[in-house]
Amino acid sequence: FGQTVDVLTIEIERVNVDALEALEREGKRV
């Protein structure tokens, strides 16, 4: 899902952080 957007945010904190960290390392704005 993160690959399809430019900026990623949340409305709930019960999310997969490992995936968010991978996206951030690849330059995604999270």
PDB file of all heavy atoms in Angstrom:
ATOM      1  N   PHE A   1       0.841  -1.206   0.000  1.00  0.00           N
ATOM      2  CA  PHE A   1       0.000   0.000   0.000  1.00  0.00           C
ATOM      3  C   PHE A   1       0.871   1.250   0.000  1.00  0.00           C
ATOM      4  O   PHE A   1       0.609   2.212  -0.731  1.00  0.00           O
ATOM      5  CB  PHE A   1      -0.923  -0.011   1.217  1.00  0.00           C
ATOM      6  CG  PHE A   1      -1.766   1.225   1.366  1.00  0.00           C
ATOM      7  CD1 PHE A   1      -2.887   1.416   0.580  1.00  0.00           C
ATOM      8  CD2 PHE A   1      -1.434   2.197   2.303  1.00  0.00           C
ATOM      9  CE1 PHE A   1      -3.675   2.563   0.717  1.00  0.00           C
ATOM     10  CE2 PHE A   1      -2.215   3.338   2.444  1.00  0.00           C
ATOM     11  CZ  PHE A   1      -3.325   3.524   1.653  1.00  0.00           C
ATOM     12  N   GLY A   2       1.921   1.237   0.817  1.00  0.00           N
ATOM     13  CA  GLY A   2       2.816   2.386   0.898  1.00  0.00           C
ATOM     14  C   GLY A   2       3.505   2.710  -0.408  1.00  0.00           C
ATOM     15  O   GLY A   2       3.836   3.872  -0.682  1.00  0.00           O
ATOM     16  N   GLN A   3       3.714   1.703  -1.223  1.00  0.00           N
ATOM     17  CA  GLN A   3       4.375   1.915  -2.512  1.00  0.00           C
ATOM     18  C   GLN A   3       3.517   2.737  -3.472  1.00  0.00           C
ATOM     19  O   GLN A   3       4.034   3.312  -4.438  1.00  0.00           O
ATOM     20  CB  GLN A   3       4.699   0.558  -3.166  1.00  0.00           C
ATOM     21  CG  GLN A   3       5.717  -0.277  -2.417  1.00  0.00           C
ATOM     22  CD  GLN A   3       7.145   0.219  -2.615  1.00  0.00           C
ATOM     23  OE1 GLN A   3       7.383   1.234  -3.247  1.00  0.00           O
ATOM     24  NE2 GLN A   3       8.110  -0.517  -2.075  1.00  0.00           N
ATOM     25  N   THR A   4       2.216   2.800  -3.229  1.00  0.00           N
ATOM     26  CA  THR A   4       1.306   3.460  -4.175  1.00  0.00           C
ATOM     27  C   THR A   4       1.094   4.939  -3.870  1.00  0.00           C
ATOM     28  O   THR A   4       0.371   5.621  -4.608  1.00  0.00           O
ATOM     29  CB  THR A   4      -0.069   2.763  -4.169  1.00  0.00           C
ATOM     30  OG1 THR A   4      -0.717   2.984  -2.893  1.00  0.00           O
ATOM     31  CG2 THR A   4       0.064   1.271  -4.408  1.00  0.00           C
ATOM     32  N   VAL A   5       1.689   5.450  -2.774  1.00  0.00           N
ATOM     33  CA  VAL A   5       1.446   6.841  -2.364  1.00  0.00           C
ATOM     34  C   VAL A   5       2.762   7.585  -2.192  1.00  0.00           C
ATOM     35  O   VAL A   5       3.843   6.977  -2.134  1.00  0.00           O
ATOM     36  CB  VAL A   5       0.622   6.897  -1.056  1.00  0.00           C
ATOM     37  CG1 VAL A   5      -0.732   6.224  -1.241  1.00  0.00           C
ATOM     38  CG2 VAL A   5       1.375   6.259   0.116  1.00  0.00           C
ATOM     39  N   ASP A   6       2.668   8.912  -2.081  1.00  0.00           N
ATOM     40  CA  ASP A   6       3.859   9.737  -1.888  1.00  0.00           C
ATOM     41  C   ASP A   6       4.148   9.994  -0.414  1.00  0.00           C
ATOM     42  O   ASP A   6       5.303  10.076  -0.002  1.00  0.00           O
ATOM     43  CB  ASP A   6       3.676  11.091  -2.599  1.00  0.00           C
ATOM     44  CG  ASP A   6       3.430  10.928  -4.086  1.00  0.00           C
ATOM     45  OD1 ASP A   6       4.225  10.224  -4.734  1.00  0.00           O
ATOM     46  OD2 ASP A   6       2.441  11.478  -4.594  1.00  0.00           O
ATOM     47  N   VAL A   7       3.086  10.164   0.362  1.00  0.00           N
ATOM     48  CA  VAL A   7       3.197  10.429   1.798  1.00  0.00           C
ATOM     49  C   VAL A   7       2.269   9.457   2.509  1.00  0.00           C
ATOM     50  O   VAL A   7       1.127   9.259   2.095  1.00  0.00           O
ATOM     51  CB  VAL A   7       2.797  11.881   2.146  1.00  0.00           C
ATOM     52  CG1 VAL A   7       2.954  12.135   3.643  1.00  0.00           C
ATOM     53  CG2 VAL A   7       3.616  12.881   1.347  1.00  0.00           C
ATOM     54  N   LEU A   8       2.771   8.861   3.596  1.00  0.00           N
ATOM     55  CA  LEU A   8       1.988   7.868   4.331  1.00  0.00           C
ATOM     56  C   LEU A   8       1.797   8.344   5.760  1.00  0.00           C
ATOM     57  O   LEU A   8       2.748   8.802   6.413  1.00  0.00           O
ATOM     58  CB  LEU A   8       2.723   6.527   4.317  1.00  0.00           C
ATOM     59  CG  LEU A   8       1.959   5.274   4.756  1.00  0.00           C
ATOM     60  CD1 LEU A   8       0.701   5.068   3.928  1.00  0.00           C
ATOM     61  CD2 LEU A   8       2.865   4.054   4.641  1.00  0.00           C
ATOM     62  N   THR A   9       0.552   8.252   6.258  1.00  0.00           N
ATOM     63  CA  THR A   9       0.256   8.641   7.628  1.00  0.00           C
ATOM     64  C   THR A   9      -0.689   7.615   8.245  1.00  0.00           C
ATOM     65  O   THR A   9      -1.049   6.623   7.607  1.00  0.00           O
ATOM     66  CB  THR A   9      -0.316  10.072   7.690  1.00  0.00           C
ATOM     67  OG1 THR A   9      -0.376  10.515   9.055  1.00  0.00           O
ATOM     68  CG2 THR A   9      -1.707  10.159   7.074  1.00  0.00           C
ATOM     69  N   ILE A  10      -1.110   7.853   9.493  1.00  0.00           N
ATOM     70  CA  ILE A  10      -1.942   6.887  10.216  1.00  0.00           C
ATOM     71  C   ILE A  10      -3.118   7.595  10.884  1.00  0.00           C
ATOM     72  O   ILE A  10      -3.066   8.790  11.165  1.00  0.00           O
ATOM     73  CB  ILE A  10      -1.137   6.125  11.293  1.00  0.00           C
ATOM     74  CG1 ILE A  10      -0.633   7.098  12.376  1.00  0.00           C
ATOM     75  CG2 ILE A  10       0.011   5.347  10.681  1.00  0.00           C
ATOM     76  CD1 ILE A  10      -0.038   6.434  13.599  1.00  0.00           C
ATOM     77  N   GLU A  11      -4.162   6.838  11.158  1.00  0.00           N
ATOM     78  CA  GLU A  11      -5.235   7.327  12.031  1.00  0.00           C
ATOM     79  C   GLU A  11      -5.377   6.391  13.235  1.00  0.00           C
ATOM     80  O   GLU A  11      -6.242   6.584  14.068  1.00  0.00           O
ATOM     81  CB  GLU A  11      -6.556   7.456  11.277  1.00  0.00           C
ATOM     82  CG  GLU A  11      -7.154   6.174  10.774  1.00  0.00           C
ATOM     83  CD  GLU A  11      -8.513   5.823  11.372  1.00  0.00           C
ATOM     84  OE1 GLU A  11      -9.388   6.679  11.469  1.00  0.00           O
ATOM     85  OE2 GLU A  11      -8.665   4.642  11.742  1.00  0.00           O
ATOM     86  N   ILE A  12      -4.524   5.385  13.300  1.00  0.00           N
ATOM     87  CA  ILE A  12      -4.501   4.423  14.403  1.00  0.00           C
ATOM     88  C   ILE A  12      -3.078   3.898  14.494  1.00  0.00           C
ATOM     89  O   ILE A  12      -2.403   3.725  13.476  1.00  0.00           O
ATOM     90  CB  ILE A  12      -5.506   3.269  14.138  1.00  0.00           C
ATOM     91  CG1 ILE A  12      -5.603   2.331  15.335  1.00  0.00           C
ATOM     92  CG2 ILE A  12      -5.162   2.498  12.856  1.00  0.00           C
ATOM     93  CD1 ILE A  12      -6.750   1.319  15.203  1.00  0.00           C
ATOM     94  N   GLU A  13      -2.579   3.700  15.725  1.00  0.00           N
ATOM     95  CA  GLU A  13      -1.169   3.300  15.851  1.00  0.00           C
ATOM     96  C   GLU A  13      -0.931   1.796  15.842  1.00  0.00           C
ATOM     97  O   GLU A  13       0.223   1.356  15.850  1.00  0.00           O
ATOM     98  CB  GLU A  13      -0.508   3.940  17.081  1.00  0.00           C
ATOM     99  CG  GLU A  13      -1.202   3.758  18.397  1.00  0.00           C
ATOM    100  CD  GLU A  13      -2.156   4.905  18.701  1.00  0.00           C
ATOM    101  OE1 GLU A  13      -2.852   5.386  17.790  1.00  0.00           O
ATOM    102  OE2 GLU A  13      -2.229   5.304  19.871  1.00  0.00           O
ATOM    103  N   ARG A  14      -1.996   0.996  15.779  1.00  0.00           N
ATOM    104  CA  ARG A  14      -1.826  -0.454  15.722  1.00  0.00           C
ATOM    105  C   ARG A  14      -1.595  -0.864  14.260  1.00  0.00           C
ATOM    106  O   ARG A  14      -2.502  -1.341  13.567  1.00  0.00           O
ATOM    107  CB  ARG A  14      -3.036  -1.164  16.329  1.00  0.00           C
ATOM    108  CG  ARG A  14      -3.183  -0.916  17.810  1.00  0.00           C
ATOM    109  CD  ARG A  14      -4.247  -1.778  18.449  1.00  0.00           C
ATOM    110  NE  ARG A  14      -5.564  -1.571  17.873  1.00  0.00           N
ATOM    111  CZ  ARG A  14      -6.365  -0.551  18.168  1.00  0.00           C
ATOM    112  NH1 ARG A  14      -5.968   0.381  19.020  1.00  0.00           N
ATOM    113  NH2 ARG A  14      -7.554  -0.441  17.604  1.00  0.00           N
ATOM    114  N   VAL A  15      -0.381  -0.608  13.793  1.00  0.00           N
ATOM    115  CA  VAL A  15      -0.009  -0.851  12.396  1.00  0.00           C
ATOM    116  C   VAL A  15       1.332  -1.579  12.364  1.00  0.00           C
ATOM    117  O   VAL A  15       2.051  -1.641  13.373  1.00  0.00           O
ATOM    118  CB  VAL A  15       0.095   0.475  11.607  1.00  0.00           C
ATOM    119  CG1 VAL A  15      -1.252   1.177  11.537  1.00  0.00           C
ATOM    120  CG2 VAL A  15       1.145   1.403  12.227  1.00  0.00           C
ATOM    121  N   ASN A  16       1.701  -2.123  11.198  1.00  0.00           N
ATOM    122  CA  ASN A  16       2.962  -2.851  11.059  1.00  0.00           C
ATOM    123  C   ASN A  16       4.108  -1.853  10.886  1.00  0.00           C
ATOM    124  O   ASN A  16       4.298  -1.279   9.810  1.00  0.00           O
ATOM    125  CB  ASN A  16       2.900  -3.802   9.866  1.00  0.00           C
ATOM    126  CG  ASN A  16       4.076  -4.765   9.868  1.00  0.00           C
ATOM    127  OD1 ASN A  16       5.217  -4.358   9.746  1.00  0.00           O
ATOM    128  ND2 ASN A  16       3.783  -6.052  10.018  1.00  0.00           N
ATOM    129  N   VAL A  17       4.865  -1.654  11.945  1.00  0.00           N
ATOM    130  CA  VAL A  17       5.949  -0.667  11.923  1.00  0.00           C
ATOM    131  C   VAL A  17       7.134  -1.157  11.098  1.00  0.00           C
ATOM    132  O   VAL A  17       7.842  -0.354  10.485  1.00  0.00           O
ATOM    133  CB  VAL A  17       6.376  -0.307  13.362  1.00  0.00           C
ATOM    134  CG1 VAL A  17       7.524   0.696  13.350  1.00  0.00           C
ATOM    135  CG2 VAL A  17       5.202   0.266  14.141  1.00  0.00           C
ATOM    136  N   ASP A  18       7.367  -2.477  11.056  1.00  0.00           N
ATOM    137  CA  ASP A  18       8.471  -2.998  10.238  1.00  0.00           C
ATOM    138  C   ASP A  18       8.307  -2.568   8.782  1.00  0.00           C
ATOM    139  O   ASP A  18       9.277  -2.161   8.122  1.00  0.00           O
ATOM    140  CB  ASP A  18       8.523  -4.532  10.324  1.00  0.00           C
ATOM    141  CG  ASP A  18       8.928  -5.031  11.696  1.00  0.00           C
ATOM    142  OD1 ASP A  18       9.573  -4.261  12.438  1.00  0.00           O
ATOM    143  OD2 ASP A  18       8.592  -6.177  12.029  1.00  0.00           O
ATOM    144  N   ALA A  19       7.088  -2.643   8.272  1.00  0.00           N
ATOM    145  CA  ALA A  19       6.826  -2.234   6.890  1.00  0.00           C
ATOM    146  C   ALA A  19       7.043  -0.736   6.716  1.00  0.00           C
ATOM    147  O   ALA A  19       7.609  -0.289   5.703  1.00  0.00           O
ATOM    148  CB  ALA A  19       5.405  -2.614   6.491  1.00  0.00           C
ATOM    149  N   LEU A  20       6.613   0.049   7.704  1.00  0.00           N
ATOM    150  CA  LEU A  20       6.799   1.502   7.624  1.00  0.00           C
ATOM    151  C   LEU A  20       8.283   1.864   7.645  1.00  0.00           C
ATOM    152  O   LEU A  20       8.719   2.778   6.921  1.00  0.00           O
ATOM    153  CB  LEU A  20       6.075   2.191   8.779  1.00  0.00           C
ATOM    154  CG  LEU A  20       4.551   2.053   8.811  1.00  0.00           C
ATOM    155  CD1 LEU A  20       3.969   2.834   9.979  1.00  0.00           C
ATOM    156  CD2 LEU A  20       3.927   2.526   7.506  1.00  0.00           C
ATOM    157  N   GLU A  21       9.065   1.149   8.454  1.00  0.00           N
ATOM    158  CA  GLU A  21      10.507   1.415   8.498  1.00  0.00           C
ATOM    159  C   GLU A  21      11.166   1.079   7.165  1.00  0.00           C
ATOM    160  O   GLU A  21      12.062   1.806   6.699  1.00  0.00           O
ATOM    161  CB  GLU A  21      11.147   0.626   9.636  1.00  0.00           C
ATOM    162  CG  GLU A  21      10.791   1.179  11.009  1.00  0.00           C
ATOM    163  CD  GLU A  21      11.298   0.327  12.154  1.00  0.00           C
ATOM    164  OE1 GLU A  21      11.553  -0.887  11.943  1.00  0.00           O
ATOM    165  OE2 GLU A  21      11.431   0.858  13.269  1.00  0.00           O
ATOM    166  N   ALA A  22      10.730  -0.013   6.544  1.00  0.00           N
ATOM    167  CA  ALA A  22      11.283  -0.388   5.229  1.00  0.00           C
ATOM    168  C   ALA A  22      10.965   0.686   4.196  1.00  0.00           C
ATOM    169  O   ALA A  22      11.822   1.073   3.387  1.00  0.00           O
ATOM    170  CB  ALA A  22      10.730  -1.736   4.791  1.00  0.00           C
ATOM    171  N   LEU A  23       9.738   1.180   4.211  1.00  0.00           N
ATOM    172  CA  LEU A  23       9.345   2.232   3.282  1.00  0.00           C
ATOM    173  C   LEU A  23      10.144   3.508   3.526  1.00  0.00           C
ATOM    174  O   LEU A  23      10.595   4.169   2.578  1.00  0.00           O
ATOM    175  CB  LEU A  23       7.844   2.515   3.429  1.00  0.00           C
ATOM    176  CG  LEU A  23       6.905   1.418   2.916  1.00  0.00           C
ATOM    177  CD1 LEU A  23       5.500   1.601   3.479  1.00  0.00           C
ATOM    178  CD2 LEU A  23       6.865   1.412   1.384  1.00  0.00           C
ATOM    179  N   GLU A  24      10.341   3.848   4.794  1.00  0.00           N
ATOM    180  CA  GLU A  24      11.113   5.044   5.139  1.00  0.00           C
ATOM    181  C   GLU A  24      12.553   4.925   4.649  1.00  0.00           C
ATOM    182  O   GLU A  24      13.122   5.889   4.106  1.00  0.00           O
ATOM    183  CB  GLU A  24      11.068   5.273   6.654  1.00  0.00           C
ATOM    184  CG  GLU A  24      11.736   6.560   7.114  1.00  0.00           C
ATOM    185  CD  GLU A  24      11.684   6.712   8.623  1.00  0.00           C
ATOM    186  OE1 GLU A  24      12.090   5.762   9.325  1.00  0.00           O
ATOM    187  OE2 GLU A  24      11.237   7.767   9.104  1.00  0.00           O
ATOM    188  N   ARG A  25      13.155   3.747   4.825  1.00  0.00           N
ATOM    189  CA  ARG A  25      14.536   3.525   4.357  1.00  0.00           C
ATOM    190  C   ARG A  25      14.646   3.712   2.840  1.00  0.00           C
ATOM    191  O   ARG A  25      15.692   4.129   2.331  1.00  0.00           O
ATOM    192  CB  ARG A  25      15.021   2.120   4.744  1.00  0.00           C
ATOM    193  CG  ARG A  25      15.374   1.959   6.206  1.00  0.00           C
ATOM    194  CD  ARG A  25      16.145   0.667   6.449  1.00  0.00           C
ATOM    195  NE  ARG A  25      15.382  -0.523   6.097  1.00  0.00           N
ATOM    196  CZ  ARG A  25      14.593  -1.182   6.920  1.00  0.00           C
ATOM    197  NH1 ARG A  25      14.435  -0.754   8.171  1.00  0.00           N
ATOM    198  NH2 ARG A  25      13.949  -2.267   6.526  1.00  0.00           N
ATOM    199  N   GLU A  26      13.568   3.397   2.137  1.00  0.00           N
ATOM    200  CA  GLU A  26      13.567   3.519   0.681  1.00  0.00           C
ATOM    201  C   GLU A  26      13.222   4.934   0.210  1.00  0.00           C
ATOM    202  O   GLU A  26      13.099   5.182  -0.989  1.00  0.00           O
ATOM    203  CB  GLU A  26      12.576   2.515   0.087  1.00  0.00           C
ATOM    204  CG  GLU A  26      13.004   1.061   0.310  1.00  0.00           C
ATOM    205  CD  GLU A  26      11.913   0.062  -0.053  1.00  0.00           C
ATOM    206  OE1 GLU A  26      10.909   0.483  -0.659  1.00  0.00           O
ATOM    207  OE2 GLU A  26      12.072  -1.127   0.282  1.00  0.00           O
ATOM    208  N   GLY A  27      13.059   5.852   1.158  1.00  0.00           N
ATOM    209  CA  GLY A  27      12.821   7.245   0.805  1.00  0.00           C
ATOM    210  C   GLY A  27      11.379   7.698   0.869  1.00  0.00           C
ATOM    211  O   GLY A  27      11.071   8.854   0.542  1.00  0.00           O
ATOM    212  N   LYS A  28      10.491   6.822   1.281  1.00  0.00           N
ATOM    213  CA  LYS A  28       9.081   7.209   1.389  1.00  0.00           C
ATOM    214  C   LYS A  28       8.911   8.156   2.585  1.00  0.00           C
ATOM    215  O   LYS A  28       9.520   7.968   3.638  1.00  0.00           O
ATOM    216  CB  LYS A  28       8.213   5.968   1.587  1.00  0.00           C
ATOM    217  CG  LYS A  28       6.727   6.200   1.450  1.00  0.00           C
ATOM    218  CD  LYS A  28       6.305   6.520   0.031  1.00  0.00           C
ATOM    219  CE  LYS A  28       6.573   5.371  -0.926  1.00  0.00           C
ATOM    220  NZ  LYS A  28       6.115   5.688  -2.302  1.00  0.00           N
ATOM    221  N   ARG A  29       8.074   9.162   2.414  1.00  0.00           N
ATOM    222  CA  ARG A  29       7.794  10.095   3.511  1.00  0.00           C
ATOM    223  C   ARG A  29       6.697   9.476   4.394  1.00  0.00           C
ATOM    224  O   ARG A  29       5.552   9.323   3.951  1.00  0.00           O
ATOM    225  CB  ARG A  29       7.351  11.437   2.946  1.00  0.00           C
ATOM    226  CG  ARG A  29       8.464  12.144   2.188  1.00  0.00           C
ATOM    227  CD  ARG A  29       7.930  13.231   1.259  1.00  0.00           C
ATOM    228  NE  ARG A  29       7.155  14.254   1.964  1.00  0.00           N
ATOM    229  CZ  ARG A  29       7.680  15.255   2.655  1.00  0.00           C
ATOM    230  NH1 ARG A  29       9.001  15.367   2.752  1.00  0.00           N
ATOM    231  NH2 ARG A  29       6.906  16.139   3.242  1.00  0.00           N
ATOM    232  N   VAL A  30       7.062   9.115   5.605  1.00  0.00           N
ATOM    233  CA  VAL A  30       6.149   8.467   6.546  1.00  0.00           C
ATOM    234  C   VAL A  30       6.062   9.323   7.798  1.00  0.00           C
ATOM    235  O   VAL A  30       7.052   9.504   8.513  1.00  0.00           O
ATOM    236  CB  VAL A  30       6.624   7.044   6.914  1.00  0.00           C
ATOM    237  CG1 VAL A  30       5.602   6.372   7.834  1.00  0.00           C
ATOM    238  CG2 VAL A  30       6.859   6.205   5.673  1.00  0.00           C
TER     239      VAL A  30
END
